[in-house]
Amino acid sequence: MLGHWEEAFCDLSKSCQLDYDDDANQALHEVEPRVCHHCLFPFRLLCVFCLLTYLSSLIIVVKCAIFCFLLSLQKTLLRQIVLLIIELVYSAS
């Protein structure tokens, strides 16, 4: 299954329709809560709701990456400023 919940749901549903099996039915019940039923359109199109949810989570990830980069850059700059001040103090004495 590995995260392809919609595909697994479709495959298990078809499997249970063709030849019912208790194991396949149990797996179907485990997969079903993880499936967005809005996305079970033909051709595997995402609905607008799921697309917006995906994009908003992607924006959050990008914001976090930018923040971490700026934080590391700030620490590097602060370290360089402190070293420069120390060097100036020792060279002045």
Foldseek 3Di string as FASTA:
>chain_A
DVPPLLVLLVVLVVVCVVPNDPVSVVVNVVSVVVDDPQQNDPPRDDDPVVVVVVVVVVVVVVVVVVVVVVVVVVVVVVVVVVVVVVVVVVVVD
